[in-house]
Amino acid sequence: MAMKVIDVSRHNGEINWEDTKGEIDGVIIRCGYGDDIASQDDERWKYNADACVRLGIPFGVYLYSYADSTAHAKSEAEHVLRLIKGYKLSYPVYYDLEDAQTVGSVSGDVLQEIVHTFATHIEQAGYWCGLYANYSWFETKLANAYYDRYTKWIARYASTLGYNKEVGMWQYTSTGSVAGISGNVDISHCYRDFPKLIGGENAWEPPKETEVNVYYRVRTKETGWLEEVRNLEDYAGYKGYAVTDIAVRANHGSVRYRVHVKGEKWLPYVSGYDTKESKNGYAGNGRVIDAIEIYYYTPESIRPYQKIKYRIAPKGGNYYPWQYDTEKAPGQDGYAGVYGKEIVKFQAIIE
């Protein structure tokens, strides 16, 4: 049975929480909007949060985003963390992605980096991070498999949600009514017992005993697609033939990857794993590649964070040093490979 959760902000005015308490299972309170500027704190945030603490009402927070860059996303995360310091949340911190003029105007790659930046700061502070947006956004802008690692709160004012992926909450009306609040109230069906999962201690669920495996395969002009390899059980490649395409997946979490074509440029990022789907199923365009870049996104059920470790060997040479995700440090360039040197072997493992 779904729980009843409302969300409130200064627009709901002064709330009589004593009357409201008996009608709801939880509340998501707006703490602010935009960058970490005091004037952009929600003016009713502290009153609402303190009332929920006093009355024992489980609550989480949301921040309305105006981010159009990772710098703004970082500032927005800092905004949230400043305001919730000292509070014990029973629901996630939701990143409210709906502003068409700012967040909605960026490219898909930039949007993913914005979400990743915000969520990483929130999660590293020990809080759950979720995403809020309308149904249309989740079907288009947030449809990438990367976003499946976050709990989703979807707004759709209809008799049914009609979304085919897992959802934590469905905001089904903006014209609801509850005691203690004058005027319309947003109401959501909540399908996860967040107070039980989070425990009111800002803690993650206990890590599951889950082994993460990475699977990959490559294509050469001479052989076509070669057999799939798991972890370091073998390498992907054959007889020194130059690799032209690669597909990578993980059994838990997701990857984003791209390749650099020898003598040309980096191709667009992909996240899928389907050798018959050239748009997002694999990286490559049938021409020889000389560099590979991969990033692994750890799912919320696994902590601590893990990385993909990968390396390549050039034609006629030994393996280059291991590369971790897209890190840049001594011995690492952010990718595996050397421009101009065609790749003939590839290996990877997540750890």
Protein backbone atom coordinates (compact mmCIF):
# COMPACT_ATOMS: atom_id res chain seq x y z
CA MET A 1 0.00 0.00 0.00
CA ALA A 2 1.36 3.41 -0.95
CA MET A 3 2.10 5.96 1.73
CA LYS A 4 0.81 9.53 1.55
CA VAL A 5 3.53 12.15 1.25
CA ILE A 6 3.09 15.88 0.66
CA ASP A 7 5.64 18.47 -0.39
CA VAL A 8 5.65 22.07 0.85
CA SER A 9 7.46 25.35 0.46
CA ARG A 10 6.95 28.98 1.44
CA HIS A 11 4.08 29.07 -1.05
CA ASN A 12 2.02 26.99 1.39
CA GLY A 13 2.25 29.73 4.01
CA GLU A 14 2.15 29.03 7.73
CA ILE A 15 1.27 25.41 8.31
CA ASN A 16 -0.42 24.08 11.43
CA TRP A 17 1.63 20.92 11.60
CA GLU A 18 -0.25 19.60 14.64
CA ASP A 19 -3.33 19.25 12.42
CA THR A 20 -1.40 18.04 9.39
CA LYS A 21 0.51 15.28 11.18
CA GLY A 22 -2.39 12.84 11.42
CA GLU A 23 -3.15 12.94 7.70
CA ILE A 24 0.25 12.19 6.19
CA ASP A 25 3.05 9.63 6.35
CA GLY A 26 5.79 12.07 5.44
CA VAL A 27 6.71 15.38 3.84
CA ILE A 28 9.34 16.69 1.44
CA ILE A 29 10.25 20.27 2.36
CA ARG A 30 11.78 22.74 -0.04
CA CYS A 31 14.95 24.02 1.59
CA GLY A 32 15.81 26.53 -1.14
CA TYR A 33 16.56 27.11 -4.79
CA GLY A 34 19.67 27.66 -6.88
CA ASP A 35 23.19 28.45 -5.70
CA ASP A 36 24.35 28.60 -2.11
CA ILE A 37 23.15 32.13 -1.41
CA ALA A 38 21.34 32.91 1.84
CA SER A 39 18.70 34.97 0.06
CA GLN A 40 17.76 31.81 -1.87
CA ASP A 41 16.94 29.79 1.23
CA ASP A 42 13.24 28.98 1.45
CA GLU A 43 11.97 31.41 4.09
CA ARG A 44 9.73 28.74 5.65
CA TRP A 45 12.37 26.00 5.59
CA LYS A 46 13.57 26.18 9.17
CA TYR A 47 10.07 26.63 10.62
CA ASN A 48 8.78 23.62 8.69
CA ALA A 49 11.80 21.42 9.46
CA ASP A 50 11.80 22.28 13.17
CA ALA A 51 8.07 21.57 13.42
CA CYS A 52 8.55 18.14 11.85
CA VAL A 53 11.38 17.35 14.25
CA ARG A 54 9.29 18.45 17.22
CA LEU A 55 6.26 16.41 16.17
CA GLY A 56 8.12 13.38 14.84
CA ILE A 57 6.97 13.77 11.24
CA PRO A 58 9.35 11.97 8.83
CA PHE A 59 10.72 14.37 6.23
CA GLY A 60 13.16 14.87 3.40
CA VAL A 61 14.06 17.92 1.33
CA TYR A 62 14.20 19.18 -2.21
CA LEU A 63 16.08 21.98 -3.91
CA TYR A 64 14.78 23.66 -7.07
CA SER A 65 17.68 23.70 -9.53
CA TYR A 66 18.77 26.42 -11.90
CA ALA A 67 22.08 24.72 -12.74
CA ASP A 68 23.39 24.95 -16.27
CA SER A 69 26.93 23.83 -15.36
CA THR A 70 28.72 21.56 -12.91
CA ALA A 71 29.94 24.62 -11.00
CA HIS A 72 26.35 25.63 -10.29
CA ALA A 73 25.44 22.03 -9.44
CA LYS A 74 28.23 21.92 -6.85
CA SER A 75 27.03 25.20 -5.34
CA GLU A 76 23.47 23.87 -5.20
CA ALA A 77 24.64 20.76 -3.36
CA GLU A 78 26.52 22.96 -0.90
CA HIS A 79 23.32 24.98 -0.48
CA VAL A 80 21.40 21.87 0.58
CA LEU A 81 24.14 20.57 2.86
CA ARG A 82 24.41 23.90 4.67
CA LEU A 83 20.71 23.94 5.43
CA ILE A 84 20.20 20.31 6.44
CA LYS A 85 23.26 20.15 8.69
CA GLY A 86 22.14 18.89 12.09
CA TYR A 87 18.85 17.42 10.84
CA LYS A 88 18.16 13.70 10.55
CA LEU A 89 16.31 13.03 7.32
CA SER A 90 13.96 10.10 6.83
CA TYR A 91 13.46 10.74 3.10
CA PRO A 92 16.01 11.51 0.34
CA VAL A 93 17.40 14.83 -0.79
CA TYR A 94 15.63 15.42 -4.09
CA TYR A 95 17.15 17.39 -6.96
CA ASP A 96 14.23 19.26 -8.56
CA LEU A 97 14.92 19.32 -12.31
CA GLU A 98 12.19 21.21 -14.11
CA ASP A 99 13.40 24.70 -15.01
CA ALA A 100 13.21 24.85 -18.80
CA GLN A 101 15.30 28.02 -19.21
CA THR A 102 18.37 26.76 -17.35
CA VAL A 103 18.56 23.03 -16.63
CA GLY A 104 16.32 22.25 -19.58
CA SER A 105 18.50 24.10 -22.06
CA VAL A 106 21.71 22.07 -21.66
CA SER A 107 22.78 19.08 -23.72
CA GLY A 108 22.26 15.53 -22.54
CA ASP A 109 25.93 15.07 -21.65
CA VAL A 110 26.03 18.29 -19.64
CA LEU A 111 22.81 17.42 -17.81
CA GLN A 112 24.26 14.07 -16.80
CA GLU A 113 27.39 15.77 -15.45
CA ILE A 114 25.22 18.27 -13.54
CA VAL A 115 23.25 15.48 -11.89
CA HIS A 116 26.38 13.48 -11.17
CA THR A 117 28.10 16.47 -9.55
CA PHE A 118 25.14 17.33 -7.32
CA ALA A 119 24.42 13.73 -6.36
CA THR A 120 28.05 12.91 -5.61
CA HIS A 121 28.29 15.76 -3.10
CA ILE A 122 25.02 14.77 -1.45
CA GLU A 123 25.91 11.08 -1.28
CA GLN A 124 29.42 11.66 -0.01
CA ALA A 125 27.86 13.55 2.90
CA GLY A 126 25.90 10.38 3.73
CA TYR A 127 22.46 11.25 2.35
CA TRP A 128 20.28 9.52 -0.20
CA CYS A 129 19.91 11.51 -3.41
CA GLY A 130 16.81 11.31 -5.59
CA LEU A 131 15.61 13.05 -8.74
CA TYR A 132 12.34 14.96 -9.16
CA ALA A 133 10.96 15.87 -12.58
CA ASN A 134 7.81 15.58 -14.60
CA TYR A 135 6.89 12.50 -16.61
CA SER A 136 7.99 14.05 -19.90
CA TRP A 137 11.49 14.76 -18.59
CA PHE A 138 11.91 11.19 -17.33
CA GLU A 139 10.81 9.89 -20.73
CA THR A 140 13.21 12.13 -22.66
CA LYS A 141 15.90 14.13 -20.86
CA LEU A 142 16.32 11.63 -17.99
CA ALA A 143 15.73 8.41 -19.95
CA ASN A 144 19.40 7.37 -20.01
CA ALA A 145 20.16 4.23 -17.95
CA TYR A 146 22.54 6.30 -15.81
CA TYR A 147 19.61 7.95 -14.03
CA ASP A 148 18.23 4.59 -12.91
CA ARG A 149 20.74 4.57 -10.05
CA TYR A 150 18.76 7.31 -8.28
CA THR A 151 15.35 6.94 -6.67
CA LYS A 152 12.79 8.74 -8.81
CA TRP A 153 9.98 11.09 -7.84
CA ILE A 154 7.77 11.70 -10.88
CA ALA A 155 5.13 14.38 -11.31
CA ARG A 156 2.21 13.38 -13.51
CA TYR A 157 -1.29 14.61 -12.82
CA ALA A 158 -3.30 11.75 -14.27
CA SER A 159 -5.28 8.70 -13.19
CA THR A 160 -2.31 6.40 -13.87
CA LEU A 161 1.43 7.00 -13.95
CA GLY A 162 2.22 4.79 -16.94
CA TYR A 163 5.99 4.70 -16.37
CA ASN A 164 7.77 1.40 -17.03
CA LYS A 165 10.71 1.77 -14.63
CA GLU A 166 10.96 1.65 -10.86
CA VAL A 167 9.55 4.73 -9.13
CA GLY A 168 9.94 5.78 -5.50
CA MET A 169 7.16 8.39 -5.48
CA TRP A 170 4.45 9.57 -7.85
CA GLN A 171 3.20 13.14 -7.38
CA TYR A 172 -0.29 12.65 -8.75
CA THR A 173 -1.94 15.98 -7.92
CA SER A 174 -1.13 19.61 -7.22
CA THR A 175 -4.62 20.40 -5.99
CA GLY A 176 -4.85 18.16 -2.95
CA SER A 177 -6.15 19.15 0.46
CA VAL A 178 -4.94 18.30 3.97
CA ALA A 179 -5.77 19.66 7.39
CA GLY A 180 -3.54 22.44 8.66
CA ILE A 181 -2.71 23.85 5.23
CA SER A 182 -4.74 26.52 3.45
CA GLY A 183 -5.14 26.08 -0.27
CA ASN A 184 -3.91 23.43 -2.66
CA VAL A 185 -1.24 20.89 -1.70
CA ASP A 186 0.97 18.60 -3.81
CA ILE A 187 0.34 14.98 -2.81
CA SER A 188 2.33 11.91 -3.79
CA HIS A 189 1.98 8.16 -3.53
CA CYS A 190 5.19 6.82 -1.96
CA TYR A 191 6.06 3.22 -2.82
CA ARG A 192 9.20 2.79 -0.71
CA ASP A 193 9.35 2.85 3.08
CA PHE A 194 12.11 5.44 3.19
CA PRO A 195 11.92 6.01 6.97
CA LYS A 196 12.63 2.32 7.46
CA LEU A 197 15.30 2.12 4.75
CA ILE A 198 17.12 5.26 5.82
CA GLY A 199 16.43 4.77 9.51
CA GLY A 200 16.29 8.45 10.25
CA GLU A 201 20.06 8.48 10.53
CA ASN A 202 20.93 9.76 7.05
CA ALA A 203 22.44 6.33 6.45
CA TRP A 204 22.57 4.23 3.32
CA GLU A 205 21.02 0.80 3.21
CA PRO A 206 23.52 -1.80 4.45
CA PRO A 207 25.72 -2.75 1.50
CA LYS A 208 24.54 -5.89 -0.24
CA GLU A 209 26.92 -8.74 -0.90
CA THR A 210 26.95 -8.02 -4.60
CA GLU A 211 29.77 -8.92 -6.93
CA VAL A 212 30.16 -6.43 -9.75
CA ASN A 213 31.32 -7.84 -13.06
CA VAL A 214 32.19 -6.01 -16.23
CA TYR A 215 31.58 -7.58 -19.63
CA TYR A 216 33.04 -6.36 -22.92
CA ARG A 217 33.67 -7.29 -26.50
CA VAL A 218 35.41 -5.70 -29.48
CA ARG A 219 35.11 -5.75 -33.23
CA THR A 220 37.85 -5.79 -35.86
CA LYS A 221 37.52 -5.52 -39.64
CA GLU A 222 39.00 -8.97 -40.05
CA THR A 223 36.88 -10.87 -37.50
CA GLY A 224 33.72 -8.92 -36.86
CA TRP A 225 32.50 -8.95 -33.25
CA LEU A 226 34.56 -11.23 -31.01
CA GLU A 227 33.26 -13.23 -28.06
CA GLU A 228 32.36 -11.50 -24.81
CA VAL A 229 34.98 -11.33 -22.04
CA ARG A 230 34.23 -11.08 -18.31
CA ASN A 231 36.59 -9.16 -16.02
CA LEU A 232 40.20 -10.33 -16.49
CA GLU A 233 39.40 -13.87 -17.51
CA ASP A 234 40.88 -13.06 -20.93
CA TYR A 235 41.37 -10.00 -23.09
CA ALA A 236 39.28 -8.64 -25.94
CA GLY A 237 41.18 -8.78 -29.22
CA TYR A 238 42.62 -11.28 -31.70
CA LYS A 239 45.96 -11.83 -33.47
CA GLY A 240 47.02 -8.21 -33.34
CA TYR A 241 44.13 -6.97 -35.46
CA ALA A 242 43.22 -3.33 -34.89
CA VAL A 243 40.07 -2.74 -32.84
CA THR A 244 37.39 -0.64 -34.53
CA ASP A 245 34.47 -0.84 -32.05
CA ILE A 246 33.84 -1.78 -28.42
CA ALA A 247 30.83 -2.57 -26.23
CA VAL A 248 30.99 -2.47 -22.41
CA ARG A 249 28.45 -3.23 -19.67
CA ALA A 250 28.30 -3.98 -15.93
CA ASN A 251 25.89 -6.35 -14.21
CA HIS A 252 25.27 -3.78 -11.46
CA GLY A 253 25.40 -0.02 -12.03
CA SER A 254 26.14 1.46 -15.44
CA VAL A 255 28.96 2.72 -17.62
CA ARG A 256 29.42 5.64 -19.95
CA TYR A 257 32.12 5.30 -22.57
CA ARG A 258 33.50 6.64 -25.83
CA VAL A 259 36.38 6.03 -28.25
CA HIS A 260 38.85 8.15 -30.19
CA VAL A 261 39.26 7.36 -33.89
CA LYS A 262 42.86 7.23 -35.05
CA GLY A 263 43.78 10.45 -36.84
CA GLU A 264 40.35 11.94 -36.19
CA LYS A 265 38.38 12.76 -33.01
CA TRP A 266 36.46 11.48 -29.99
CA LEU A 267 33.08 10.03 -30.89
CA PRO A 268 29.97 10.71 -28.78
CA TYR A 269 29.45 8.98 -25.42
CA VAL A 270 27.32 5.84 -25.30
CA SER A 271 25.92 3.84 -22.40
CA GLY A 272 24.26 0.84 -24.02
CA TYR A 273 25.41 -2.67 -24.87
CA ASP A 274 23.95 -3.91 -28.13
CA THR A 275 26.19 -4.71 -31.09
CA LYS A 276 23.24 -4.34 -33.46
CA GLU A 277 22.43 -0.79 -32.35
CA SER A 278 25.00 1.69 -33.70
CA LYS A 279 23.61 4.82 -32.02
CA ASN A 280 23.97 3.86 -28.34
CA GLY A 281 24.76 0.13 -28.28
CA TYR A 282 28.51 0.38 -28.70
CA ALA A 283 31.30 2.92 -29.25
CA GLY A 284 32.91 3.17 -32.67
CA ASN A 285 32.16 3.81 -36.31
CA GLY A 286 34.02 0.97 -38.00
CA ARG A 287 37.32 2.82 -38.20
CA VAL A 288 40.47 2.06 -36.19
CA ILE A 289 40.50 3.45 -32.65
CA ASP A 290 43.49 4.50 -30.57
CA ALA A 291 41.97 5.52 -27.22
CA ILE A 292 39.08 4.49 -24.95
CA GLU A 293 37.46 6.42 -22.08
CA ILE A 294 35.09 4.73 -19.58
CA TYR A 295 33.38 5.83 -16.36
CA TYR A 296 31.56 3.47 -13.97
CA TYR A 297 28.55 4.70 -11.99
CA THR A 298 28.16 2.78 -8.73
CA PRO A 299 24.50 1.96 -7.92
CA GLU A 300 22.96 3.15 -4.66
CA SER A 301 22.90 -0.41 -3.27
CA ILE A 302 26.69 -0.67 -3.29
CA ARG A 303 29.09 1.29 -1.11
CA PRO A 304 31.89 2.25 -1.02
CA TYR A 305 32.10 3.62 -4.56
CA GLN A 306 33.86 1.46 -7.12
CA LYS A 307 35.79 2.30 -10.27
CA ILE A 308 36.42 0.62 -13.57
CA LYS A 309 40.09 -0.22 -14.08
CA TYR A 310 41.02 -0.74 -17.72
CA ARG A 311 44.01 -0.87 -20.03
CA ILE A 312 44.93 -1.39 -23.68
CA ALA A 313 47.86 -2.73 -25.64
CA PRO A 314 48.92 -1.11 -28.93
CA LYS A 315 49.92 -3.06 -32.00
CA GLY A 316 53.37 -4.53 -31.46
CA GLY A 317 53.59 -3.28 -27.85
CA ASN A 318 52.91 -4.23 -24.25
CA TYR A 319 49.99 -3.05 -22.15
CA TYR A 320 50.03 0.58 -21.04
CA PRO A 321 49.45 1.31 -17.30
CA TRP A 322 45.96 0.85 -15.86
CA GLN A 323 43.51 3.72 -16.15
CA TYR A 324 40.88 4.28 -13.42
CA ASP A 325 37.58 5.76 -14.64
CA THR A 326 38.45 9.12 -16.20
CA GLU A 327 40.96 10.14 -13.53
CA LYS A 328 43.87 12.36 -14.40
CA ALA A 329 46.90 11.80 -12.19
CA PRO A 330 50.53 10.73 -12.57
CA GLY A 331 50.45 7.85 -15.04
CA GLN A 332 46.83 8.50 -16.01
CA ASP A 333 45.48 10.67 -18.82
CA GLY A 334 41.75 10.30 -18.25
CA TYR A 335 41.59 7.57 -20.91
CA ALA A 336 43.48 4.46 -22.02
CA GLY A 337 45.60 4.65 -25.14
CA VAL A 338 47.94 6.89 -27.10
CA TYR A 339 46.80 8.96 -30.05
CA GLY A 340 48.09 7.46 -33.27
CA LYS A 341 48.70 3.98 -31.82
CA GLU A 342 45.98 1.54 -32.83
CA ILE A 343 44.51 -0.69 -30.12
CA VAL A 344 44.73 -4.48 -30.41
CA LYS A 345 43.97 -5.65 -26.83
CA PHE A 346 41.60 -4.43 -24.13
CA GLN A 347 41.02 -5.53 -20.52
CA ALA A 348 38.83 -4.20 -17.69
CA ILE A 349 37.64 -4.96 -14.17
CA ILE A 350 35.52 -3.08 -11.63
CA GLU A 351 36.88 -2.84 -8.10
